[in-house]
Structures are given as C-alpha cells and as structure tokens.
Protein backbone atom coordinates (compact mmCIF):
# COMPACT_ATOMS: atom_id res chain seq x y z
CA MET A 1 -156.76 -52.03 74.75
CA HIS A 2 -154.89 -50.44 77.58
CA THR A 3 -151.83 -50.05 75.69
CA LEU A 4 -153.83 -48.35 72.91
CA LYS A 5 -155.41 -45.95 75.28
CA ILE A 6 -152.18 -44.85 76.60
CA SER A 7 -150.66 -44.50 73.11
CA PHE A 8 -153.62 -42.41 71.98
CA ILE A 9 -153.19 -40.17 75.08
CA PHE A 10 -149.56 -39.64 74.33
CA LEU A 11 -150.28 -38.82 70.73
CA LEU A 12 -152.72 -36.25 71.90
CA ILE A 13 -150.10 -34.74 74.19
CA PHE A 14 -147.34 -34.76 71.75
CA SER A 15 -149.57 -33.28 68.90
CA SER A 16 -150.75 -30.37 71.41
CA ILE A 17 -147.11 -29.57 72.26
CA LEU A 18 -145.98 -29.94 68.33
CA PHE A 19 -148.92 -27.66 67.25
CA SER A 20 -148.98 -25.24 69.99
CA GLN A 21 -148.80 -21.68 68.74
CA ASN A 22 -148.39 -19.03 71.18
CA ILE A 23 -145.90 -16.57 72.63
CA LYS A 24 -145.32 -15.47 76.43
CA LEU A 25 -144.04 -12.06 77.30
CA PHE A 26 -142.17 -11.13 80.69
CA GLY A 27 -141.33 -7.57 81.66
CA ALA A 28 -142.80 -4.15 81.88
CA LYS A 29 -144.87 -2.76 79.10
CA ILE A 30 -143.77 0.80 79.77
CA GLU A 31 -141.34 3.34 78.43
CA GLY A 32 -137.87 2.16 79.08
CA GLY A 33 -139.08 -1.38 79.52
CA LEU A 34 -137.43 -4.63 78.55
CA ILE A 35 -139.55 -7.51 77.24
CA VAL A 36 -138.35 -11.16 77.27
CA GLY A 37 -140.34 -13.41 75.27
CA LYS A 38 -140.73 -17.10 74.36
CA GLY A 39 -142.48 -18.54 71.53
CA THR A 40 -143.60 -22.09 70.51
CA ASN A 41 -143.01 -23.49 67.07
CA LEU A 42 -141.96 -19.97 65.87
CA LYS A 43 -140.98 -19.50 62.04
CA SER A 44 -140.65 -15.68 62.00
CA LEU A 45 -141.27 -12.73 64.38
CA TYR A 46 -141.35 -9.06 63.90
CA LEU A 47 -141.91 -6.16 66.17
CA ASP A 48 -143.69 -3.75 63.70
CA LYS A 49 -141.17 -3.83 60.76
CA THR A 50 -138.20 -4.94 62.86
CA LYS A 51 -137.42 -8.74 62.49
CA LEU A 52 -136.78 -10.16 65.90
CA VAL A 53 -134.17 -12.96 66.28
CA PHE A 54 -134.97 -16.06 68.45
CA ASP A 55 -133.08 -19.37 69.45
CA LYS A 56 -134.25 -22.81 68.96
CA GLY A 57 -136.13 -22.75 71.99
CA GLY A 58 -138.01 -19.67 70.86
CA ASN A 59 -136.54 -17.20 73.18
CA PHE A 60 -136.40 -13.57 72.19
CA ILE A 61 -136.10 -9.96 73.53
CA PHE A 62 -136.89 -6.42 72.62
CA GLY A 63 -137.41 -3.13 74.40
CA PHE A 64 -138.86 0.34 74.37
CA GLY A 65 -137.08 3.69 74.51
CA ARG A 66 -137.60 6.60 77.05
CA ASN A 67 -140.25 8.32 74.90
CA ASP A 68 -141.84 5.34 73.33
CA SER A 69 -145.54 5.07 74.17
CA LYS A 70 -146.67 4.45 70.55
CA THR A 71 -148.73 1.42 69.48
CA HIS A 72 -146.65 -1.67 68.58
CA TRP A 73 -147.59 -4.99 66.89
CA ILE A 74 -146.02 -8.20 67.26
CA LYS A 75 -146.55 -10.42 64.19
CA ALA A 76 -145.55 -14.08 64.86
CA LYS A 77 -145.71 -16.74 62.08
CA PHE A 78 -145.63 -20.29 63.39
CA ALA A 79 -144.52 -23.47 61.73
CA SER A 80 -148.06 -24.51 60.77
CA GLY A 81 -148.31 -21.37 58.56
CA LYS A 82 -150.82 -19.55 60.89
CA THR A 83 -149.94 -15.91 61.79
CA LYS A 84 -150.92 -14.18 65.04
CA ARG A 85 -150.69 -10.48 65.74
CA TYR A 86 -150.39 -9.01 69.44
CA LYS A 87 -150.77 -5.41 70.19
CA ILE A 88 -148.55 -3.65 72.82
CA VAL A 89 -148.89 0.03 73.86
CA PRO A 90 -146.03 1.06 76.41
CA LYS A 91 -147.24 3.04 79.46
CA LYS A 92 -146.11 6.54 79.40
CA ARG A 93 -143.86 7.86 82.25
CA LYS A 94 -143.03 11.02 83.96
CA TYR A 95 -139.30 11.62 84.53
CA ASN A 96 -137.46 13.38 87.26
CA ILE A 97 -135.62 16.75 86.91
CA GLN A 98 -132.20 16.80 88.69
CA VAL A 99 -130.52 20.14 89.34
CA ILE A 100 -126.73 19.89 89.92
CA ASN A 101 -124.77 23.08 90.59
CA ASP A 102 -121.09 22.17 90.75
CA LYS A 103 -118.06 24.22 89.35
CA LYS A 104 -115.94 21.19 88.90
CA GLU A 105 -114.21 21.07 85.62
CA GLN A 106 -115.95 17.88 84.43
CA PHE A 107 -119.02 19.65 83.90
CA PHE A 108 -117.69 22.00 81.26
CA GLU A 109 -116.75 21.39 77.68
CA PRO A 110 -113.68 19.15 77.25
CA PRO A 111 -110.65 21.10 76.31
CA LYS A 112 -109.83 21.23 72.48
CA GLU A 113 -106.56 19.18 73.01
CA GLU A 114 -108.66 16.24 74.31
CA LEU A 115 -111.11 16.06 71.40
CA PRO A 116 -108.79 13.68 69.19
CA ARG A 117 -108.59 11.50 72.19
CA ILE A 118 -112.38 11.50 72.69
CA ALA A 119 -112.94 10.59 69.00
CA ARG A 120 -110.56 7.69 69.12
CA GLU A 121 -112.29 6.40 72.19
CA LYS A 122 -115.67 6.80 70.42
CA GLU A 123 -114.49 4.86 67.50
CA THR A 124 -113.11 2.12 69.84
CA VAL A 125 -116.52 1.75 71.36
CA ARG A 126 -118.32 1.80 68.02
CA LYS A 127 -116.16 -1.11 66.63
CA ALA A 128 -116.78 -3.20 69.81
CA LYS A 129 -120.61 -2.64 69.42
CA LEU A 130 -120.51 -4.02 65.98
CA LYS A 131 -120.30 -7.38 67.42
CA ILE A 132 -123.34 -7.10 69.58
CA GLY A 133 -126.52 -8.51 68.03
CA LYS A 134 -124.60 -11.11 66.08
CA ASP A 135 -124.57 -13.65 68.95
CA LEU A 136 -128.20 -15.20 69.14
CA HIS A 137 -127.57 -17.20 72.24
CA PRO A 138 -129.79 -15.71 74.94
CA TYR A 139 -127.37 -15.38 77.85
CA PHE A 140 -129.75 -13.04 79.46
CA LEU A 141 -131.95 -16.06 80.37
CA THR A 142 -129.93 -16.30 83.59
CA GLY A 143 -131.92 -13.45 84.84
CA PHE A 144 -130.58 -10.09 86.14
CA VAL A 145 -128.92 -9.02 89.41
CA ARG A 146 -128.00 -5.61 90.78
CA PRO A 147 -124.34 -5.00 89.87
CA VAL A 148 -123.47 -3.25 93.33
CA LYS A 149 -125.07 -5.18 96.21
CA GLY A 150 -125.21 -1.90 98.46
CA GLY A 151 -125.04 1.69 97.82
CA ARG A 152 -127.39 4.52 97.25
CA ILE A 153 -129.23 5.52 94.07
CA THR A 154 -128.22 9.04 93.05
CA GLY A 155 -129.23 9.23 89.36
CA VAL A 156 -132.21 7.29 87.70
CA TYR A 157 -133.02 6.42 84.01
CA GLY A 158 -134.70 9.16 81.97
CA SER A 159 -134.28 12.11 84.29
CA ILE A 160 -133.40 15.53 82.89
CA ARG A 161 -130.11 16.91 84.40
CA ILE A 162 -129.43 20.62 84.70
CA LEU A 163 -125.82 21.25 85.27
CA ASN A 164 -124.85 24.68 86.35
CA GLY A 165 -127.95 26.04 84.87
CA ILE A 166 -127.59 24.32 81.64
CA LYS A 167 -130.11 21.60 80.36
CA LYS A 168 -128.41 18.39 79.24
CA SER A 169 -129.36 15.24 77.51
CA PRO A 170 -131.48 12.81 79.44
CA HIS A 171 -129.87 10.48 81.82
CA PHE A 172 -130.01 6.93 80.48
CA GLY A 173 -128.32 4.87 83.32
CA LEU A 174 -128.70 3.95 86.79
CA ASP A 175 -126.12 5.67 89.14
CA ILE A 176 -125.26 3.67 92.45
CA ALA A 177 -123.01 5.52 94.89
CA GLU A 178 -120.77 3.31 96.96
CA ALA A 179 -117.44 3.45 98.43
CA ALA A 180 -114.51 3.07 96.19
CA GLY A 181 -113.14 -0.39 95.85
CA ASN A 182 -116.39 -2.24 96.50
CA THR A 183 -117.34 -5.05 93.94
CA VAL A 184 -119.16 -4.40 90.70
CA ARG A 185 -120.69 -7.53 89.32
CA ALA A 186 -122.02 -8.58 85.94
CA ALA A 187 -125.81 -8.10 85.85
CA ALA A 188 -126.33 -11.20 83.64
CA ALA A 189 -124.24 -13.73 81.96
CA GLY A 190 -122.55 -12.66 78.74
CA ILE A 191 -119.37 -12.08 76.84
CA VAL A 192 -117.17 -9.01 77.45
CA ARG A 193 -116.85 -7.14 74.26
CA LEU A 194 -114.67 -4.27 75.54
CA VAL A 195 -112.69 -3.33 78.62
CA GLY A 196 -111.83 0.37 78.38
CA LYS A 197 -108.99 1.86 80.30
CA ALA A 198 -108.93 5.64 81.49
CA PHE A 199 -111.34 6.86 78.84
CA TYR A 200 -112.12 10.67 78.94
CA TYR A 201 -115.93 10.14 79.62
CA ASN A 202 -116.20 6.64 80.91
CA GLY A 203 -113.12 6.13 82.87
CA ASN A 204 -112.46 2.43 83.28
CA PHE A 205 -115.34 0.63 82.00
CA VAL A 206 -116.67 -2.88 80.85
CA LEU A 207 -119.13 -3.60 77.87
CA ILE A 208 -120.90 -6.90 78.23
CA ASP A 209 -122.92 -8.70 75.43
CA HIS A 210 -125.92 -10.66 76.82
CA GLY A 211 -126.95 -12.10 73.34
CA GLN A 212 -129.59 -11.03 70.78
CA GLY A 213 -128.58 -7.33 70.94
CA LEU A 214 -128.91 -6.86 74.63
CA SER A 215 -125.75 -5.24 76.25
CA SER A 216 -124.84 -3.51 79.59
CA TYR A 217 -122.14 -0.88 80.39
CA TYR A 218 -120.37 -0.43 83.77
CA LEU A 219 -118.66 3.11 83.97
CA HIS A 220 -116.22 4.89 86.23
CA MET A 221 -114.61 1.92 87.97
CA SER A 222 -111.32 2.25 89.93
CA LYS A 223 -110.16 -1.01 88.08
CA THR A 224 -111.48 -3.80 86.03
CA THR A 225 -110.85 -7.57 86.70
CA VAL A 226 -112.04 -9.06 83.33
CA LYS A 227 -110.48 -9.04 79.71
CA THR A 228 -112.19 -8.55 76.28
CA GLY A 229 -113.48 -11.75 75.07
CA ASP A 230 -114.08 -13.35 78.57
CA PHE A 231 -117.43 -15.05 79.30
CA VAL A 232 -118.86 -13.84 82.55
CA ARG A 233 -121.53 -15.49 84.62
CA ARG A 234 -124.33 -13.59 86.30
CA GLY A 235 -122.97 -11.96 89.50
CA GLU A 236 -119.25 -12.59 88.69
CA LYS A 237 -117.01 -9.89 89.65
CA ILE A 238 -115.95 -7.64 86.72
CA GLY A 239 -114.37 -4.54 88.51
CA GLU A 240 -114.53 -2.28 91.42
CA VAL A 241 -116.40 1.03 92.24
CA GLY A 242 -114.47 4.17 91.32
CA SER A 243 -114.69 7.73 90.20
CA THR A 244 -112.58 7.67 86.82
CA GLY A 245 -113.56 9.53 84.00
CA ARG A 246 -116.36 12.39 84.12
CA ALA A 247 -117.52 11.37 87.55
CA THR A 248 -118.30 13.54 90.57
CA GLY A 249 -117.34 10.94 93.20
CA PRO A 250 -117.17 6.84 93.70
CA HIS A 251 -120.29 5.41 91.89
CA LEU A 252 -121.19 3.16 89.26
CA HIS A 253 -122.98 4.24 86.14
CA TRP A 254 -124.84 1.16 84.80
CA GLU A 255 -126.62 1.18 81.35
CA VAL A 256 -128.47 -1.42 79.66
CA ARG A 257 -129.38 -1.32 75.80
CA TRP A 258 -131.13 -3.44 73.37
CA ASN A 259 -129.59 -2.71 70.02
CA ASN A 260 -129.70 1.11 69.95
CA VAL A 261 -132.62 1.41 72.37
CA ARG A 262 -131.67 2.50 75.94
CA ILE A 263 -133.53 0.45 78.64
CA ASP A 264 -134.29 1.29 82.12
CA PRO A 265 -132.01 -0.91 84.34
CA ALA A 266 -134.21 -0.75 87.34
CA LEU A 267 -137.03 -2.24 85.16
CA VAL A 268 -134.65 -5.08 84.04
CA LEU A 269 -134.00 -6.02 87.63
CA LYS A 270 -137.93 -6.64 88.07
CA ILE A 271 -138.35 -9.21 85.23
CA LYS A 272 -139.26 -12.42 86.69
CA GLY A 273 -140.10 -15.82 85.49
CA ILE A 274 -137.90 -16.04 82.52
CA ARG A 275 -136.09 -19.29 83.62
C-alpha cells in the first residue's frame, strides 16, 4: 500500500510537469525593452503575426522598438493542443534631446571619394547579419554584463541628437566614455559574426550573435582581440576602448538588436532571473 501511494504521488507530479501549459516572461515591457521568455510544452509561439523560435527547453526572446507602444498579443499553442493568448502593451517613454556643437569633420557628410568604401563596408555588415537568427541556441541565457566596467555614460538609447544645429536620427546605442586601451567585454555569450577593421563609421568593431536573432555591436575600439567565428563567453575580452571611425573621443558605442529591432542596452542589463 505504501509503495502504491508513493507511485501515485509520483504519477501526479509527473503528469503535472508533462501537461503544464504556461509561459514566463522576464524583462521590461516598455519601448526599447527586451523580453526573455520560457514556455512549458510549447508547440508553436507567435508575437502577433511573427513566429517566434524556441529551443527544446522552451526558451525564446523578443523585443520592442523605440516607438513601439502598441498592443501586442502572444499566441502560444501547447503540446496538448490548447492555445493561450497573452496581452502585452509596452509602456511609452520620453527620450532625451542631446545638442552637440562641434566643428570636427566627422559631423559633416562624408567626402564623395569615401562613398564607395562606405557602400562596401555596409555590404560586408549586411552579409554578416544574414547568419543572425539561424542559430536557435539561446546563448543569451548566460545573462548580461556591462561591456566596460567603469566609464561615464555620454549617450543613451533613443535620444535625439542635434549636431551643429542639424537634427539627426535617434541614437540607438549606449555610449560609455572611458580611457583608450581599457578592456571591452562581451555582454553575453555568443558567436562572433564579424570583426571589422578601420570602417569609416564604425572604426574597429565586433558583431556578436547571441542566438535566436539577438545580437550586439561594439564600435570605435582601438583594437579587437577576437576573430570572426570565435565563440566568446559572457565577460570575455573582445577588444579595447578607442576612438576609431566617426568618434569624438575614446568611448564604446554598444548596440543591442533583436533581428531588426533596436533594443535599449541599459534595459538588457536589468533582466534578472533568466538562469
């Protein structure tokens, strides 16, 4: 009788795990926010009409753009055949206006003779980005660290920049001013998809694929210490702070993207509990 009771309890627990149907979300439900999710017994998953990928453990990821405060629906279909819908409305934000008056040449239009070079570099980045989204492994589950330990924040995500009286496109990265030569680290584990050398805009930079369409960019470095194709761990050195490319001084410009959606790096650092 005692053995039968234990067996019955085990079957109840096993059945509960087997037929559990839910998803958990971590991250900020706000414009520019990144959401890391985990589902149990998932069969398919959609964010509105976009199909989301997930691994065998049910881990997935998605994010919201700078001006995305519309209502979204997550549609999850489970192995049992049951479907659930979850409503998400990202919170609207106010963004800074940054005025920079500087007559340095990097703020003017590039010389015509540099345009072919810029076009070639743009194509190089485009080809490297084609690989992002094909690796379904969630390397990002290692969590995220600040790529530069110290330094001063000089530019934030979403801000409008007025350069020499001319309104420019929004700033989509996090700028961290620090002494040249200081270490730049990988914010999360992943695969290096591109190491750029002396690009006109980016200078020396690294592009890392964190899996499931999540990537990060590290610009203006004085030098890089990894190669295209390398696997890097969270916090591993990938280069050093510099001012190469179109930069006003030594700093790291750090960007995070989910596919073509530009995410606020500062919000990524606040995600807790994913592992």
